[in-house]
Amino acid sequence: MKNKILYIFPENSTFIRKDIGFLSRHYHVITPGHNWKTKSQTPLNFLKQFLFLCRNLPGSKAVFVMFGGYWSLLPALAGKISGIPVYIIPGGTDCVSFPSLGYGSLRKPLMRTFIRWSFSLCTELLPVDESLVLSEYSYHPAADYPRQGFRYFFPRLKTPYRVINNGFDPEFFTCNPDS
């Protein structure tokens, strides 16, 4: 019998389905069925997530959460209380703030607070690239901040992290020199 893990995400996408497929080779993966994209559904989603965690967290070996956001706080808190490890996978927008471009979850004060709390409560952060930890930013001439990454925006964060780069399919991404 496979060990049970929970995999939580804000909305289903191709890379989420690939992660679940990969993890399912070794674990019994349980996922919630709700989508966090619609802002008006956020209070209802908190209730649904609370019930999901009450039903599924007991007996789980770990919880994985893709991206920091509203959806990562309750799992991180539940993991802290229960002693079940919770790993948050920062994937990009949850580590940057570009107000002038209208991009980045950290530019929104309430979302930024939820991300900070989640990152503080979880067992470990598993960013998909080192640039999400801390990086100099010089690409945009009128950059809002000289640096980006969760270490820049949350300098007192004590949560350990380990970079696990995204993979890619070399059969799909090919180079044709004649094109």
Protein backbone atom coordinates (compact mmCIF):
# COMPACT_ATOMS: atom_id res chain seq x y z
CA MET A 1 0.00 0.00 0.00
CA LYS A 2 1.34 3.43 -0.96
CA ASN A 3 1.81 6.21 1.59
CA LYS A 4 -0.72 9.03 1.33
CA ILE A 5 0.27 12.61 0.53
CA LEU A 6 -1.83 15.70 -0.13
CA TYR A 7 -1.11 17.98 -3.07
CA ILE A 8 -2.78 21.40 -2.93
CA PHE A 9 -2.81 23.99 -5.70
CA PRO A 10 -4.74 27.15 -6.61
CA GLU A 11 -6.07 25.80 -9.92
CA ASN A 12 -5.56 22.75 -12.04
CA SER A 13 -3.13 23.07 -14.95
CA THR A 14 -0.98 20.87 -17.15
CA PHE A 15 2.09 21.06 -14.91
CA ILE A 16 -0.04 20.29 -11.84
CA ARG A 17 -1.41 17.17 -13.58
CA LYS A 18 2.16 16.17 -14.50
CA ASP A 19 3.29 16.61 -10.87
CA ILE A 20 0.39 14.49 -9.66
CA GLY A 21 1.17 11.83 -12.27
CA PHE A 22 4.82 11.75 -11.23
CA LEU A 23 4.05 11.63 -7.51
CA SER A 24 1.36 8.96 -8.06
CA ARG A 25 4.04 6.49 -9.11
CA HIS A 26 5.17 6.29 -5.49
CA TYR A 27 2.35 7.78 -3.39
CA HIS A 28 -1.39 7.79 -3.08
CA VAL A 29 -1.97 11.47 -3.98
CA ILE A 30 -5.10 13.18 -2.73
CA THR A 31 -6.03 16.58 -4.16
CA PRO A 32 -8.82 19.03 -3.37
CA GLY A 33 -11.43 19.68 -6.02
CA HIS A 34 -11.84 23.43 -5.66
CA ASN A 35 -10.38 26.32 -7.63
CA TRP A 36 -9.00 29.50 -5.99
CA LYS A 37 -9.09 31.60 -9.17
CA THR A 38 -12.47 33.24 -8.48
CA LYS A 39 -11.93 35.81 -5.72
CA SER A 40 -15.56 35.82 -4.61
CA GLN A 41 -15.22 32.10 -3.79
CA THR A 42 -12.27 32.61 -1.40
CA PRO A 43 -14.29 32.48 1.87
CA LEU A 44 -16.11 29.34 0.67
CA ASN A 45 -12.79 27.84 -0.43
CA PHE A 46 -11.36 28.32 3.08
CA LEU A 47 -14.30 26.34 4.46
CA LYS A 48 -13.92 23.63 1.79
CA GLN A 49 -10.19 23.45 2.44
CA PHE A 50 -10.69 23.20 6.19
CA LEU A 51 -13.06 20.26 5.68
CA PHE A 52 -10.67 18.69 3.15
CA LEU A 53 -7.79 18.90 5.64
CA CYS A 54 -9.92 17.53 8.51
CA ARG A 55 -10.83 14.50 6.36
CA ASN A 56 -7.53 13.88 4.62
CA LEU A 57 -4.64 15.16 6.75
CA PRO A 58 -4.78 12.33 9.33
CA GLY A 59 -2.55 9.51 8.12
CA SER A 60 -0.81 11.64 5.48
CA LYS A 61 2.97 11.48 5.27
CA ALA A 62 3.29 15.03 3.89
CA VAL A 63 1.49 17.93 2.24
CA PHE A 64 2.78 19.66 -0.88
CA VAL A 65 1.40 23.07 -1.82
CA MET A 66 2.09 24.60 -5.21
CA PHE A 67 2.68 28.33 -4.82
CA GLY A 68 2.25 30.47 -1.76
CA GLY A 69 -1.11 32.22 -1.48
CA TYR A 70 -4.44 32.12 0.30
CA TRP A 71 -4.61 28.34 -0.30
CA SER A 72 -1.26 27.68 1.44
CA LEU A 73 -2.04 29.13 4.88
CA LEU A 74 -4.42 26.52 6.31
CA PRO A 75 -2.26 23.57 5.17
CA ALA A 76 0.86 25.21 6.64
CA LEU A 77 -0.93 25.90 9.92
CA ALA A 78 -2.45 22.40 10.04
CA GLY A 79 0.97 20.88 9.41
CA LYS A 80 2.52 22.94 12.18
CA ILE A 81 -0.18 21.83 14.63
CA SER A 82 -0.23 18.16 13.58
CA GLY A 83 3.50 17.68 13.02
CA ILE A 84 2.92 16.54 9.43
CA PRO A 85 5.51 18.13 7.13
CA VAL A 86 4.25 20.76 4.70
CA TYR A 87 6.34 21.73 1.69
CA ILE A 88 5.46 24.85 -0.26
CA ILE A 89 6.73 25.08 -3.82
CA PRO A 90 7.28 28.75 -4.71
CA GLY A 91 6.92 28.94 -8.46
CA GLY A 92 7.36 32.57 -9.51
CA THR A 93 4.61 35.10 -8.92
CA ASP A 94 4.63 34.31 -5.18
CA CYS A 95 8.23 35.58 -4.91
CA VAL A 96 8.10 38.84 -6.86
CA SER A 97 6.54 42.29 -6.80
CA PHE A 98 6.28 44.51 -9.88
CA PRO A 99 3.55 47.06 -9.05
CA SER A 100 4.31 49.16 -12.15
CA LEU A 101 3.66 46.10 -14.32
CA GLY A 102 0.68 44.87 -12.29
CA TYR A 103 2.52 41.57 -11.69
CA GLY A 104 3.49 39.56 -8.66
CA SER A 105 1.47 38.31 -5.72
CA LEU A 106 3.73 40.19 -3.30
CA ARG A 107 2.50 43.55 -4.64
CA LYS A 108 -0.89 42.86 -3.02
CA PRO A 109 -0.71 43.55 0.75
CA LEU A 110 -3.21 40.90 1.89
CA MET A 111 -1.81 38.20 -0.40
CA ARG A 112 1.71 39.14 0.69
CA THR A 113 0.69 38.62 4.32
CA PHE A 114 -0.79 35.18 3.57
CA ILE A 115 2.36 34.18 1.69
CA ARG A 116 4.64 35.39 4.49
CA TRP A 117 2.64 33.50 7.12
CA SER A 118 2.53 30.37 4.97
CA PHE A 119 6.26 30.48 4.24
CA SER A 120 6.94 30.97 7.97
CA LEU A 121 4.75 28.07 9.10
CA CYS A 122 5.70 25.42 6.56
CA THR A 123 8.41 22.80 7.07
CA GLU A 124 10.47 23.67 4.01
CA LEU A 125 10.29 25.76 0.86
CA LEU A 126 11.08 24.06 -2.45
CA PRO A 127 11.50 26.91 -4.98
CA VAL A 128 11.73 25.89 -8.62
CA ASP A 129 14.68 28.21 -9.30
CA GLU A 130 17.40 29.96 -7.27
CA SER A 131 16.25 33.35 -8.62
CA LEU A 132 13.07 32.98 -6.55
CA VAL A 133 15.15 32.94 -3.36
CA LEU A 134 17.07 36.18 -3.99
CA SER A 135 18.18 37.82 -7.21
CA GLU A 136 19.35 41.16 -8.51
CA TYR A 137 16.84 42.71 -10.87
CA SER A 138 18.04 44.95 -13.68
CA TYR A 139 15.98 43.94 -16.72
CA HIS A 140 13.31 46.62 -16.52
CA PRO A 141 14.74 50.16 -16.57
CA ALA A 142 12.18 51.47 -14.05
CA ALA A 143 12.30 48.47 -11.73
CA ASP A 144 10.12 48.80 -8.63
CA TYR A 145 12.69 46.96 -6.48
CA PRO A 146 16.42 46.37 -7.01
CA ARG A 147 16.02 42.72 -5.97
CA GLN A 148 13.37 40.04 -6.10
CA GLY A 149 12.82 36.76 -4.27
CA PHE A 150 11.33 35.66 -0.98
CA ARG A 151 14.57 36.36 0.94
CA TYR A 152 14.44 39.98 -0.23
CA PHE A 153 10.79 40.55 0.69
CA PHE A 154 10.89 38.42 3.87
CA PRO A 155 14.43 38.97 5.22
CA ARG A 156 13.64 37.53 8.67
CA LEU A 157 12.23 34.29 7.26
CA LYS A 158 13.86 31.32 9.01
CA THR A 159 12.23 28.49 7.02
CA PRO A 160 14.80 26.27 5.30
CA TYR A 161 14.66 25.93 1.54
CA ARG A 162 16.02 23.63 -1.12
CA VAL A 163 15.91 24.52 -4.84
CA ILE A 164 14.34 21.81 -6.97
CA ASN A 165 14.45 22.98 -10.57
CA ASN A 166 11.52 22.31 -12.85
CA GLY A 167 12.17 19.62 -15.37
CA PHE A 168 11.36 19.82 -19.02
CA ASP A 169 10.61 17.30 -21.73
CA PRO A 170 13.54 17.30 -24.21
CA GLU A 171 11.33 15.47 -26.73
CA PHE A 172 8.86 18.37 -26.72
CA PHE A 173 11.37 21.24 -26.65
CA THR A 174 13.56 20.56 -29.66
CA CYS A 175 15.62 22.85 -31.78
CA ASN A 176 15.40 22.72 -35.54
CA PRO A 177 18.43 24.61 -36.93
CA ASP A 178 16.74 24.89 -40.35
CA SER A 179 13.76 26.92 -39.02
